[in-house]
PDB file of N, CA and C in Angstrom:
ATOM      1  N   CYS A   1      15.998   5.248  -3.760  1.00  0.00           N
ATOM      2  CA  CYS A   1      15.731   4.549  -5.136  1.00  0.00           C
ATOM      3  C   CYS A   1      16.778   3.714  -5.397  1.00  0.00           C
ATOM      4  N   THR A   2      17.197   3.210  -5.752  1.00  0.00           N
ATOM      5  CA  THR A   2      18.106   2.216  -6.677  1.00  0.00           C
ATOM      6  C   THR A   2      18.150   2.523  -7.684  1.00  0.00           C
ATOM      7  N   LEU A   3      18.967   2.543  -8.569  1.00  0.00           N
ATOM      8  CA  LEU A   3      19.635   1.937 -10.144  1.00  0.00           C
ATOM      9  C   LEU A   3      18.351   0.753 -10.805  1.00  0.00           C
ATOM     10  N   ASP A   4      17.853   0.993 -11.141  1.00  0.00           N
ATOM     11  CA  ASP A   4      16.742   0.753 -12.326  1.00  0.00           C
ATOM     12  C   ASP A   4      15.360   0.522 -11.763  1.00  0.00           C
ATOM     13  N   SER A   5      15.897   1.191 -11.046  1.00  0.00           N
ATOM     14  CA  SER A   5      13.716   0.879  -9.587  1.00  0.00           C
ATOM     15  C   SER A   5      12.619   1.877 -10.105  1.00  0.00           C
ATOM     16  N   GLU A   6      11.705   1.289  -9.450  1.00  0.00           N
ATOM     17  CA  GLU A   6      10.406   1.765 -10.457  1.00  0.00           C
ATOM     18  C   GLU A   6       9.749   2.634  -9.822  1.00  0.00           C
ATOM     19  N   VAL A   7      10.109   4.054 -10.403  1.00  0.00           N
ATOM     20  CA  VAL A   7       9.068   4.912  -9.433  1.00  0.00           C
ATOM     21  C   VAL A   7       7.258   5.620 -10.596  1.00  0.00           C
ATOM     22  N   ALA A   8       6.802   6.326  -9.201  1.00  0.00           N
ATOM     23  CA  ALA A   8       5.639   7.506  -9.849  1.00  0.00           C
ATOM     24  C   ALA A   8       6.405   8.938  -9.774  1.00  0.00           C
ATOM     25  N   LEU A   9       5.800   9.519 -10.941  1.00  0.00           N
ATOM     26  CA  LEU A   9       6.025  10.086 -10.367  1.00  0.00           C
ATOM     27  C   LEU A   9       4.792  11.281 -10.529  1.00  0.00           C
ATOM     28  N   ARG A  10       4.185  12.644  -9.695  1.00  0.00           N
ATOM     29  CA  ARG A  10       2.629  13.453 -10.209  1.00  0.00           C
ATOM     30  C   ARG A  10       3.164  14.709  -9.681  1.00  0.00           C
ATOM     31  N   VAL A  11       3.626  15.945 -10.979  1.00  0.00           N
ATOM     32  CA  VAL A  11       3.909  17.054 -10.955  1.00  0.00           C
ATOM     33  C   VAL A  11       2.493  17.768 -10.938  1.00  0.00           C
ATOM     34  N   GLY A  12       2.158  19.078  -9.507  1.00  0.00           N
ATOM     35  CA  GLY A  12       1.015  19.941  -9.385  1.00  0.00           C
ATOM     36  C   GLY A  12      -0.008  19.735  -9.529  1.00  0.00           C
ATOM     37  N   GLY A  13      -1.131  19.696 -10.148  1.00  0.00           N
ATOM     38  CA  GLY A  13      -2.869  19.446  -9.971  1.00  0.00           C
ATOM     39  C   GLY A  13      -3.126  18.679  -8.350  1.00  0.00           C
ATOM     40  N   ASP A  14      -4.118  17.490  -8.880  1.00  0.00           N
ATOM     41  CA  ASP A  14      -4.710  17.630  -6.902  1.00  0.00           C
ATOM     42  C   ASP A  14      -4.333  16.064  -7.470  1.00  0.00           C
ATOM     43  N   PHE A  15      -3.611  16.570  -5.791  1.00  0.00           N
ATOM     44  CA  PHE A  15      -2.535  15.139  -4.980  1.00  0.00           C
ATOM     45  C   PHE A  15      -3.148  14.942  -3.753  1.00  0.00           C
ATOM     46  N   PHE A  16      -2.455  13.135  -3.970  1.00  0.00           N
ATOM     47  CA  PHE A  16      -3.180  13.388  -2.223  1.00  0.00           C
ATOM     48  C   PHE A  16      -2.334  12.083  -1.562  1.00  0.00           C
ATOM     49  N   PHE A  17      -2.433  11.789  -0.913  1.00  0.00           N
ATOM     50  CA  PHE A  17      -1.205  10.986  -0.198  1.00  0.00           C
ATOM     51  C   PHE A  17      -2.675   9.947   0.884  1.00  0.00           C
ATOM     52  N   ASP A  18      -3.431   8.931   0.655  1.00  0.00           N
ATOM     53  CA  ASP A  18      -4.754   8.587   1.398  1.00  0.00           C
ATOM     54  C   ASP A  18      -4.336   7.052   2.347  1.00  0.00           C
ATOM     55  N   PRO A  19      -2.725   6.301   2.688  1.00  0.00           N
ATOM     56  CA  PRO A  19      -3.386   4.507   2.958  1.00  0.00           C
ATOM     57  C   PRO A  19      -4.437   4.487   3.705  1.00  0.00           C
ATOM     58  N   GLN A  20      -4.515   3.224   3.543  1.00  0.00           N
ATOM     59  CA  GLN A  20      -5.354   2.644   3.814  1.00  0.00           C
ATOM     60  C   GLN A  20      -5.182   1.572   5.232  1.00  0.00           C
ATOM     61  N   PRO A  21      -5.339   1.582   6.122  1.00  0.00           N
ATOM     62  CA  PRO A  21      -4.992   0.044   6.726  1.00  0.00           C
ATOM     63  C   PRO A  21      -5.097  -0.903   5.319  1.00  0.00           C
ATOM     64  N   GLY A  22      -4.429  -1.907   6.060  1.00  0.00           N
ATOM     65  CA  GLY A  22      -3.462  -2.784   5.008  1.00  0.00           C
ATOM     66  C   GLY A  22      -2.939  -2.903   3.706  1.00  0.00           C
ATOM     67  N   ASP A  23      -2.754  -1.544   3.465  1.00  0.00           N
ATOM     68  CA  ASP A  23      -2.227  -1.284   2.230  1.00  0.00           C
ATOM     69  C   ASP A  23      -0.126  -1.486   3.009  1.00  0.00           C
ATOM     70  N   SER A  24       0.248  -2.013   1.683  1.00  0.00           N
ATOM     71  CA  SER A  24       1.822  -2.067   1.995  1.00  0.00           C
ATOM     72  C   SER A  24       1.927  -1.051   1.401  1.00  0.00           C
ATOM     73  N   PRO A  25       3.287  -0.945   2.959  1.00  0.00           N
ATOM     74  CA  PRO A  25       3.819   0.028   2.692  1.00  0.00           C
ATOM     75  C   PRO A  25       4.695   0.617   1.313  1.00  0.00           C
ATOM     76  N   VAL A  26       4.585   2.491   1.505  1.00  0.00           N
ATOM     77  CA  VAL A  26       5.228   3.076   0.154  1.00  0.00           C
ATOM     78  C   VAL A  26       6.653   3.656   1.013  1.00  0.00           C
ATOM     79  N   GLU A  27       7.303   4.453   0.359  1.00  0.00           N
ATOM     80  CA  GLU A  27       8.307   4.414   0.667  1.00  0.00           C
ATOM     81  C   GLU A  27       7.885   6.196  -0.377  1.00  0.00           C
ATOM     82  N   LEU A  28       8.233   6.978   0.244  1.00  0.00           N
ATOM     83  CA  LEU A  28       8.067   8.401   0.081  1.00  0.00           C
ATOM     84  C   LEU A  28       8.845   9.547  -0.437  1.00  0.00           C
ATOM     85  N   VAL A  29       8.806   9.583  -1.611  1.00  0.00           N
ATOM     86  CA  VAL A  29      10.010  11.219  -2.270  1.00  0.00           C
ATOM     87  C   VAL A  29       8.797  12.313  -2.340  1.00  0.00           C
ATOM     88  N   LEU A  30       9.339  13.046  -1.333  1.00  0.00           N
ATOM     89  CA  LEU A  30       8.096  14.218  -2.044  1.00  0.00           C
ATOM     90  C   LEU A  30       9.569  15.226  -1.615  1.00  0.00           C
ATOM     91  N   ILE A  31       8.922  16.077  -3.432  1.00  0.00           N
ATOM     92  CA  ILE A  31      10.403  17.361  -4.057  1.00  0.00           C
ATOM     93  C   ILE A  31       8.846  18.561  -3.552  1.00  0.00           C
ATOM     94  N   ALA A  32       9.905  19.395  -2.825  1.00  0.00           N
ATOM     95  CA  ALA A  32       8.944  20.823  -3.201  1.00  0.00           C
ATOM     96  C   ALA A  32      10.200  22.057  -3.273  1.00  0.00           C
ATOM     97  N   GLY A  33       9.613  23.114  -3.322  1.00  0.00           N
ATOM     98  CA  GLY A  33      10.430  24.402  -3.631  1.00  0.00           C
ATOM     99  C   GLY A  33       9.394  25.512  -3.612  1.00  0.00           C
ATOM    100  N   GLY A  34      10.284  26.070  -2.559  1.00  0.00           N
ATOM    101  CA  GLY A  34       9.975  27.072  -2.408  1.00  0.00           C
ATOM    102  C   GLY A  34       8.064  27.078  -1.545  1.00  0.00           C
ATOM    103  N   VAL A  35       6.974  28.093  -1.942  1.00  0.00           N
ATOM    104  CA  VAL A  35       5.875  27.602  -1.218  1.00  0.00           C
ATOM    105  C   VAL A  35       5.675  26.659  -1.741  1.00  0.00           C
ATOM    106  N   GLY A  36       5.656  25.625  -2.513  1.00  0.00           N
ATOM    107  CA  GLY A  36       4.997  24.301  -2.920  1.00  0.00           C
ATOM    108  C   GLY A  36       5.074  23.677  -1.803  1.00  0.00           C
ATOM    109  N   ILE A  37       5.712  23.915  -1.133  1.00  0.00           N
ATOM    110  CA  ILE A  37       5.857  22.793   0.059  1.00  0.00           C
ATOM    111  C   ILE A  37       4.702  22.255   0.603  1.00  0.00           C
ATOM    112  N   ASN A  38       3.616  23.830   0.957  1.00  0.00           N
ATOM    113  CA  ASN A  38       2.272  23.841   1.687  1.00  0.00           C
ATOM    114  C   ASN A  38       1.765  22.366   0.933  1.00  0.00           C
ATOM    115  N   PRO A  39       0.962  21.997  -0.246  1.00  0.00           N
ATOM    116  CA  PRO A  39       0.641  19.559   0.050  1.00  0.00           C
ATOM    117  C   PRO A  39       1.575  19.436   0.677  1.00  0.00           C
ATOM    118  N   LEU A  40       2.913  19.497   0.461  1.00  0.00           N
ATOM    119  CA  LEU A  40       4.051  18.698   0.759  1.00  0.00           C
ATOM    120  C   LEU A  40       3.828  18.207   2.449  1.00  0.00           C
ATOM    121  N   PHE A  41       3.643  19.544   2.603  1.00  0.00           N
ATOM    122  CA  PHE A  41       4.059  19.069   4.494  1.00  0.00           C
ATOM    123  C   PHE A  41       3.112  19.133   5.376  1.00  0.00           C
ATOM    124  N   SER A  42       1.204  19.671   4.498  1.00  0.00           N
ATOM    125  CA  SER A  42       0.255  18.557   4.757  1.00  0.00           C
ATOM    126  C   SER A  42       0.600  16.784   4.735  1.00  0.00           C
ATOM    127  N   ILE A  43       0.997  16.613   3.960  1.00  0.00           N
ATOM    128  CA  ILE A  43       1.766  15.051   3.818  1.00  0.00           C
ATOM    129  C   ILE A  43       2.474  14.128   4.513  1.00  0.00           C
ATOM    130  N   LEU A  44       2.880  15.341   5.085  1.00  0.00           N
ATOM    131  CA  LEU A  44       3.751  15.354   6.541  1.00  0.00           C
ATOM    132  C   LEU A  44       3.667  15.084   7.414  1.00  0.00           C
ATOM    133  N   LEU A  45       2.844  15.806   7.449  1.00  0.00           N
ATOM    134  CA  LEU A  45       2.082  15.447   8.511  1.00  0.00           C
ATOM    135  C   LEU A  45       0.626  14.531   8.837  1.00  0.00           C
ATOM    136  N   HIS A  46       0.500  14.476   7.037  1.00  0.00           N
ATOM    137  CA  HIS A  46      -0.513  13.075   8.201  1.00  0.00           C
ATOM    138  C   HIS A  46       0.414  12.283   8.023  1.00  0.00           C
ATOM    139  N   VAL A  47       1.730  11.534   7.465  1.00  0.00           N
ATOM    140  CA  VAL A  47       2.202  10.092   7.860  1.00  0.00           C
ATOM    141  C   VAL A  47       3.336  10.387   8.845  1.00  0.00           C
ATOM    142  N   ALA A  48       4.129  11.511   9.811  1.00  0.00           N
ATOM    143  CA  ALA A  48       3.650  11.612  11.234  1.00  0.00           C
ATOM    144  C   ALA A  48       2.847  11.440  12.274  1.00  0.00           C
ATOM    145  N   ASP A  49       1.545  11.644  11.975  1.00  0.00           N
ATOM    146  CA  ASP A  49       0.162  11.032  12.489  1.00  0.00           C
ATOM    147  C   ASP A  49      -0.344  10.049  12.203  1.00  0.00           C
ATOM    148  N   LEU A  50       0.409   8.922  10.759  1.00  0.00           N
ATOM    149  CA  LEU A  50      -0.161   7.757  10.935  1.00  0.00           C
ATOM    150  C   LEU A  50       1.288   6.563  11.643  1.00  0.00           C
ATOM    151  N   HIS A  51       2.793   7.255  11.612  1.00  0.00           N
ATOM    152  CA  HIS A  51       3.370   6.542  11.649  1.00  0.00           C
ATOM    153  C   HIS A  51       2.906   6.644  13.868  1.00  0.00           C
ATOM    154  N   GLY A  52       2.436   7.705  14.725  1.00  0.00           N
ATOM    155  CA  GLY A  52       2.142   8.095  16.110  1.00  0.00           C
ATOM    156  C   GLY A  52       1.191   7.199  16.261  1.00  0.00           C
ATOM    157  N   TYR A  53       0.540   6.828  15.612  1.00  0.00           N
ATOM    158  CA  TYR A  53      -0.829   5.926  15.408  1.00  0.00           C
ATOM    159  C   TYR A  53      -0.428   4.884  15.669  1.00  0.00           C
ATOM    160  N   GLN A  54       0.143   4.015  14.557  1.00  0.00           N
ATOM    161  CA  GLN A  54       0.841   3.343  14.263  1.00  0.00           C
ATOM    162  C   GLN A  54       1.622   2.502  15.446  1.00  0.00           C
ATOM    163  N   GLU A  55       3.020   3.842  15.863  1.00  0.00           N
ATOM    164  CA  GLU A  55       3.316   2.821  17.166  1.00  0.00           C
ATOM    165  C   GLU A  55       2.342   2.708  18.600  1.00  0.00           C
ATOM    166  N   GLY A  56       1.606   4.083  18.999  1.00  0.00           N
ATOM    167  CA  GLY A  56       0.602   4.145  19.854  1.00  0.00           C
ATOM    168  C   GLY A  56      -0.212   2.856  19.687  1.00  0.00           C
ATOM    169  N   LYS A  57      -1.109   2.313  18.776  1.00  0.00           N
ATOM    170  CA  LYS A  57      -1.891   1.291  18.873  1.00  0.00           C
ATOM    171  C   LYS A  57      -1.817   0.053  18.473  1.00  0.00           C
ATOM    172  N   GLY A  58      -1.027  -0.293  17.644  1.00  0.00           N
ATOM    173  CA  GLY A  58      -0.443  -1.564  17.236  1.00  0.00           C
ATOM    174  C   GLY A  58      -1.536  -2.106  15.852  1.00  0.00           C
ATOM    175  N   ASN A  59      -2.120  -0.946  14.857  1.00  0.00           N
ATOM    176  CA  ASN A  59      -2.932  -0.881  13.536  1.00  0.00           C
ATOM    177  C   ASN A  59      -2.349  -1.706  12.879  1.00  0.00           C
ATOM    178  N   GLU A  60      -3.868  -1.896  11.967  1.00  0.00           N
ATOM    179  CA  GLU A  60      -3.371  -2.343   9.941  1.00  0.00           C
ATOM    180  C   GLU A  60      -2.468  -1.045   9.634  1.00  0.00           C
ATOM    181  N   TYR A  61      -2.275  -0.391   9.771  1.00  0.00           N
ATOM    182  CA  TYR A  61      -1.012   0.955   9.010  1.00  0.00           C
ATOM    183  C   TYR A  61       0.236   0.539   9.915  1.00  0.00           C
ATOM    184  N   LYS A  62       0.766   0.078   7.921  1.00  0.00           N
ATOM    185  CA  LYS A  62       2.220  -0.301   7.988  1.00  0.00           C
ATOM    186  C   LYS A  62       2.591   1.329   7.216  1.00  0.00           C
ATOM    187  N   MET A  63       3.191   1.467   7.506  1.00  0.00           N
ATOM    188  CA  MET A  63       3.968   3.612   7.031  1.00  0.00           C
ATOM    189  C   MET A  63       5.778   3.018   6.258  1.00  0.00           C
ATOM    190  N   GLY A  64       5.711   3.492   4.581  1.00  0.00           N
ATOM    191  CA  GLY A  64       7.077   3.301   4.910  1.00  0.00           C
ATOM    192  C   GLY A  64       7.794   4.820   5.149  1.00  0.00           C
ATOM    193  N   THR A  65       9.182   5.236   4.686  1.00  0.00           N
ATOM    194  CA  THR A  65       9.008   6.344   5.214  1.00  0.00           C
ATOM    195  C   THR A  65       9.328   7.515   3.454  1.00  0.00           C
ATOM    196  N   VAL A  66       9.654   8.476   4.394  1.00  0.00           N
ATOM    197  CA  VAL A  66       9.511   9.947   3.122  1.00  0.00           C
ATOM    198  C   VAL A  66      11.163   9.973   4.262  1.00  0.00           C
ATOM    199  N   LYS A  67      10.722  10.448   2.477  1.00  0.00           N
ATOM    200  CA  LYS A  67      12.203  11.753   1.992  1.00  0.00           C
ATOM    201  C   LYS A  67      11.643  12.702   1.911  1.00  0.00           C
ATOM    202  N   LEU A  68      12.485  14.325   2.319  1.00  0.00           N
ATOM    203  CA  LEU A  68      11.592  15.339   1.714  1.00  0.00           C
ATOM    204  C   LEU A  68      13.200  15.674   1.465  1.00  0.00           C
ATOM    205  N   TYR A  69      12.674  16.398   0.672  1.00  0.00           N
ATOM    206  CA  TYR A  69      13.603  17.687  -0.521  1.00  0.00           C
ATOM    207  C   TYR A  69      13.267  18.657  -1.191  1.00  0.00           C
ATOM    208  N   TYR A  70      14.349  18.942   0.286  1.00  0.00           N
ATOM    209  CA  TYR A  70      13.207  21.376  -0.496  1.00  0.00           C
ATOM    210  C   TYR A  70      13.526  22.178  -0.481  1.00  0.00           C
ATOM    211  N   SER A  71      13.853  22.890  -1.435  1.00  0.00           N
ATOM    212  CA  SER A  71      14.626  24.037  -2.399  1.00  0.00           C
ATOM    213  C   SER A  71      13.602  25.574  -1.937  1.00  0.00           C
ATOM    214  N   ALA A  72      14.528  26.358  -1.536  1.00  0.00           N
ATOM    215  CA  ALA A  72      14.709  27.982  -2.013  1.00  0.00           C
ATOM    216  C   ALA A  72      15.785  28.686  -2.136  1.00  0.00           C
ATOM    217  N   LYS A  73      15.904  29.744  -1.970  1.00  0.00           N
ATOM    218  CA  LYS A  73      16.483  30.749  -2.170  1.00  0.00           C
ATOM    219  C   LYS A  73      17.631  30.545  -0.456  1.00  0.00           C
ATOM    220  N   ASN A  74      17.002  30.311   0.132  1.00  0.00           N
ATOM    221  CA  ASN A  74      17.641  30.853   1.259  1.00  0.00           C
ATOM    222  C   ASN A  74      17.636  30.143   2.498  1.00  0.00           C
ATOM    223  N   THR A  75      17.435  29.914   4.195  1.00  0.00           N
ATOM    224  CA  THR A  75      16.770  29.370   4.844  1.00  0.00           C
ATOM    225  C   THR A  75      15.870  30.008   5.675  1.00  0.00           C
ATOM    226  N   SER A  76      16.167  31.366   5.914  1.00  0.00           N
ATOM    227  CA  SER A  76      14.353  31.814   6.397  1.00  0.00           C
ATOM    228  C   SER A  76      14.264  31.823   4.896  1.00  0.00           C
ATOM    229  N   GLU A  77      13.696  31.349   3.509  1.00  0.00           N
ATOM    230  CA  GLU A  77      12.336  31.522   2.737  1.00  0.00           C
ATOM    231  C   GLU A  77      11.936  29.562   2.923  1.00  0.00           C
ATOM    232  N   LEU A  78      12.525  29.104   3.848  1.00  0.00           N
ATOM    233  CA  LEU A  78      12.331  27.618   4.266  1.00  0.00           C
ATOM    234  C   LEU A  78      11.991  27.269   4.822  1.00  0.00           C
ATOM    235  N   LEU A  79       9.601  26.966   4.198  1.00  0.00           N
ATOM    236  CA  LEU A  79       8.722  27.432   5.612  1.00  0.00           C
ATOM    237  C   LEU A  79       8.764  26.279   6.019  1.00  0.00           C
ATOM    238  N   PHE A  80       8.099  26.662   7.649  1.00  0.00           N
ATOM    239  CA  PHE A  80       7.888  25.298   7.916  1.00  0.00           C
ATOM    240  C   PHE A  80       9.566  23.976   7.542  1.00  0.00           C
ATOM    241  N   LYS A  81      10.434  25.051   8.321  1.00  0.00           N
ATOM    242  CA  LYS A  81      11.619  24.543   8.538  1.00  0.00           C
ATOM    243  C   LYS A  81      11.402  23.460  10.252  1.00  0.00           C
ATOM    244  N   ARG A  82      10.953  24.552  11.451  1.00  0.00           N
ATOM    245  CA  ARG A  82      11.771  24.362  12.682  1.00  0.00           C
ATOM    246  C   ARG A  82      10.867  23.096  12.503  1.00  0.00           C
ATOM    247  N   ASN A  83       9.437  22.749  12.184  1.00  0.00           N
ATOM    248  CA  ASN A  83       8.066  21.852  12.265  1.00  0.00           C
ATOM    249  C   ASN A  83       8.663  20.518  11.043  1.00  0.00           C
ATOM    250  N   ILE A  84       9.811  20.968  10.105  1.00  0.00           N
ATOM    251  CA  ILE A  84      10.070  19.240   9.993  1.00  0.00           C
ATOM    252  C   ILE A  84      10.964  18.640  10.890  1.00  0.00           C
ATOM    253  N   LEU A  85      11.840  19.910  11.572  1.00  0.00           N
ATOM    254  CA  LEU A  85      13.409  19.533  12.015  1.00  0.00           C
ATOM    255  C   LEU A  85      12.604  18.168  13.465  1.00  0.00           C
ATOM    256  N   GLY A  86      11.016  19.184  13.880  1.00  0.00           N
ATOM    257  CA  GLY A  86      10.814  17.978  15.171  1.00  0.00           C
ATOM    258  C   GLY A  86      10.034  16.920  14.072  1.00  0.00           C
ATOM    259  N   LEU A  87       9.980  17.656  13.315  1.00  0.00           N
ATOM    260  CA  LEU A  87       9.010  15.760  12.961  1.00  0.00           C
ATOM    261  C   LEU A  87      10.476  14.579  12.866  1.00  0.00           C
ATOM    262  N   MET A  88      11.688  14.709  11.730  1.00  0.00           N
ATOM    263  CA  MET A  88      12.162  13.727  11.483  1.00  0.00           C
ATOM    264  C   MET A  88      13.322  13.867  12.933  1.00  0.00           C
ATOM    265  N   ASN A  89      13.327  14.038  14.500  1.00  0.00           N
ATOM    266  CA  ASN A  89      13.496  14.609  15.709  1.00  0.00           C
ATOM    267  C   ASN A  89      12.525  12.996  16.017  1.00  0.00           C
ATOM    268  N   ALA A  90      12.042  13.407  16.301  1.00  0.00           N
ATOM    269  CA  ALA A  90      10.502  12.446  16.232  1.00  0.00           C
ATOM    270  C   ALA A  90      10.203  11.001  15.712  1.00  0.00           C
ATOM    271  N   PHE A  91      10.608  10.966  14.797  1.00  0.00           N
ATOM    272  CA  PHE A  91      10.360   9.937  13.698  1.00  0.00           C
ATOM    273  C   PHE A  91      11.847   9.443  13.424  1.00  0.00           C
ATOM    274  N   PRO A  92      13.004   9.658  13.396  1.00  0.00           N
ATOM    275  CA  PRO A  92      13.797   9.391  12.954  1.00  0.00           C
ATOM    276  C   PRO A  92      14.372   8.410  12.078  1.00  0.00           C
ATOM    277  N   GLY A  93      14.648   8.386  10.536  1.00  0.00           N
ATOM    278  CA  GLY A  93      14.794   6.582  10.416  1.00  0.00           C
ATOM    279  C   GLY A  93      13.968   7.530   9.658  1.00  0.00           C
ATOM    280  N   LYS A  94      12.662   7.208   9.937  1.00  0.00           N
ATOM    281  CA  LYS A  94      11.377   7.528   8.805  1.00  0.00           C
ATOM    282  C   LYS A  94      10.853   8.272   8.468  1.00  0.00           C
ATOM    283  N   ILE A  95      10.825   9.758   8.997  1.00  0.00           N
ATOM    284  CA  ILE A  95      11.269  11.256   8.565  1.00  0.00           C
ATOM    285  C   ILE A  95      12.544  12.002   8.084  1.00  0.00           C
ATOM    286  N   THR A  96      12.695  12.282   7.171  1.00  0.00           N
ATOM    287  CA  THR A  96      14.414  12.884   6.533  1.00  0.00           C
ATOM    288  C   THR A  96      13.759  13.940   5.560  1.00  0.00           C
ATOM    289  N   CYS A  97      14.822  14.672   5.449  1.00  0.00           N
ATOM    290  CA  CYS A  97      14.352  16.233   5.267  1.00  0.00           C
ATOM    291  C   CYS A  97      16.316  16.338   4.532  1.00  0.00           C
ATOM    292  N   ARG A  98      16.156  16.342   3.572  1.00  0.00           N
ATOM    293  CA  ARG A  98      17.373  17.532   2.773  1.00  0.00           C
ATOM    294  C   ARG A  98      17.091  18.880   2.146  1.00  0.00           C
ATOM    295  N   PHE A  99      17.254  20.175   2.501  1.00  0.00           N
ATOM    296  CA  PHE A  99      17.387  21.257   2.317  1.00  0.00           C
ATOM    297  C   PHE A  99      18.268  22.126   1.394  1.00  0.00           C
ATOM    298  N   HIS A 100      17.700  22.583   0.615  1.00  0.00           N
ATOM    299  CA  HIS A 100      19.019  22.700  -0.680  1.00  0.00           C
ATOM    300  C   HIS A 100      18.882  24.304  -0.729  1.00  0.00           C
ATOM    301  N   VAL A 101      19.512  24.891  -0.348  1.00  0.00           N
ATOM    302  CA  VAL A 101      19.271  27.184  -0.339  1.00  0.00           C
ATOM    303  C   VAL A 101      20.332  26.943  -1.767  1.00  0.00           C
ATOM    304  N   THR A 102      19.722  28.408  -2.544  1.00  0.00           N
ATOM    305  CA  THR A 102      20.586  28.171  -3.831  1.00  0.00           C
ATOM    306  C   THR A 102      21.518  30.109  -3.599  1.00  0.00           C
ATOM    307  N   GLN A 103      20.690  30.374  -3.014  1.00  0.00           N
ATOM    308  CA  GLN A 103      21.470  32.193  -2.991  1.00  0.00           C
ATOM    309  C   GLN A 103      21.564  32.653  -1.916  1.00  0.00           C
ATOM    310  N   GLN A 104      21.962  31.737  -0.454  1.00  0.00           N
ATOM    311  CA  GLN A 104      22.039  31.821   0.762  1.00  0.00           C
ATOM    312  C   GLN A 104      23.437  32.469   1.519  1.00  0.00           C
ATOM    313  N   ARG A 105      23.259  33.796   1.736  1.00  0.00           N
ATOM    314  CA  ARG A 105      24.562  34.456   2.498  1.00  0.00           C
ATOM    315  C   ARG A 105      24.669  34.728   2.990  1.00  0.00           C
ATOM    316  N   SER A 106      24.070  34.537   4.835  1.00  0.00           N
ATOM    317  CA  SER A 106      24.567  34.544   5.269  1.00  0.00           C
ATOM    318  C   SER A 106      24.776  33.104   6.477  1.00  0.00           C
ATOM    319  N   GLN A 107      25.663  32.699   7.100  1.00  0.00           N
ATOM    320  CA  GLN A 107      25.917  31.522   7.784  1.00  0.00           C
ATOM    321  C   GLN A 107      25.042  30.553   8.005  1.00  0.00           C
ATOM    322  N   ILE A 108      24.674  29.628   8.086  1.00  0.00           N
ATOM    323  CA  ILE A 108      23.140  28.783   8.975  1.00  0.00           C
ATOM    324  C   ILE A 108      23.177  28.526   9.922  1.00  0.00           C
ATOM    325  N   CYS A 109      22.577  28.832  10.226  1.00  0.00           N
ATOM    326  CA  CYS A 109      22.415  28.248  11.891  1.00  0.00           C
ATOM    327  C   CYS A 109      22.710  26.988  11.649  1.00  0.00           C
ATOM    328  N   LYS A 110      23.587  26.135  13.264  1.00  0.00           N
ATOM    329  CA  LYS A 110      24.286  24.905  13.246  1.00  0.00           C
ATOM    330  C   LYS A 110      22.651  24.272  13.399  1.00  0.00           C
ATOM    331  N   GLU A 111      21.809  24.683  14.134  1.00  0.00           N
ATOM    332  CA  GLU A 111      20.198  23.299  13.625  1.00  0.00           C
ATOM    333  C   GLU A 111      20.506  22.261  12.271  1.00  0.00           C
ATOM    334  N   LEU A 112      20.144  23.689  10.769  1.00  0.00           N
ATOM    335  CA  LEU A 112      19.823  23.173  10.204  1.00  0.00           C
ATOM    336  C   LEU A 112      21.307  22.790   9.525  1.00  0.00           C
ATOM    337  N   GLN A 113      22.638  23.072   9.453  1.00  0.00           N
ATOM    338  CA  GLN A 113      23.280  23.187   8.559  1.00  0.00           C
ATOM    339  C   GLN A 113      23.570  21.269   8.311  1.00  0.00           C
ATOM    340  N   PRO A 114      23.524  20.461   8.966  1.00  0.00           N
ATOM    341  CA  PRO A 114      23.672  18.859   8.964  1.00  0.00           C
ATOM    342  C   PRO A 114      22.570  18.456   7.421  1.00  0.00           C
ATOM    343  N   HIS A 115      21.700  19.515   7.616  1.00  0.00           N
ATOM    344  CA  HIS A 115      20.545  19.127   6.859  1.00  0.00           C
ATOM    345  C   HIS A 115      20.414  19.910   5.506  1.00  0.00           C
ATOM    346  N   VAL A 116      21.718  20.823   5.688  1.00  0.00           N
ATOM    347  CA  VAL A 116      21.479  21.767   4.853  1.00  0.00           C
ATOM    348  C   VAL A 116      22.578  21.762   3.523  1.00  0.00           C
ATOM    349  N   THR A 117      22.121  21.822   1.746  1.00  0.00           N
ATOM    350  CA  THR A 117      23.630  21.777   0.622  1.00  0.00           C
ATOM    351  C   THR A 117      23.191  22.669   0.864  1.00  0.00           C
ATOM    352  N   GLY A 118      24.011  24.099  -0.642  1.00  0.00           N
ATOM    353  CA  GLY A 118      23.730  25.038  -0.966  1.00  0.00           C
ATOM    354  C   GLY A 118      24.960  24.999  -1.984  1.00  0.00           C
ATOM    355  N   LYS A 119      24.766  26.299  -2.909  1.00  0.00           N
ATOM    356  CA  LYS A 119      25.322  26.035  -4.488  1.00  0.00           C
ATOM    357  C   LYS A 119      26.800  26.716  -3.801  1.00  0.00           C
TER     358      LYS A 119
END
């Protein structure tokens, strides 16, 4: 987003992402903390499937980008981190993630370092 951009925000409750063929692409920003990643990870997988489908068949789905911001106490509590890294590698520039840790005491592994900020 840029300054003065209009955004829609949804917190908790029932929510889903179900784009239809022919819909305009949207830019998603997903924000998760702890186990709150579960429904957002499902959305991320769905977007990845649609990106893969779009690239493979030239269909009518036009996917935008997804930026995931995910916070936990430490990197060991970042659920699905390996899967998320794999999605970023499979769809560079289309799926990105920024992890944030608040109580990391040990060294962060090299694979995660470029994607992690901490306190």
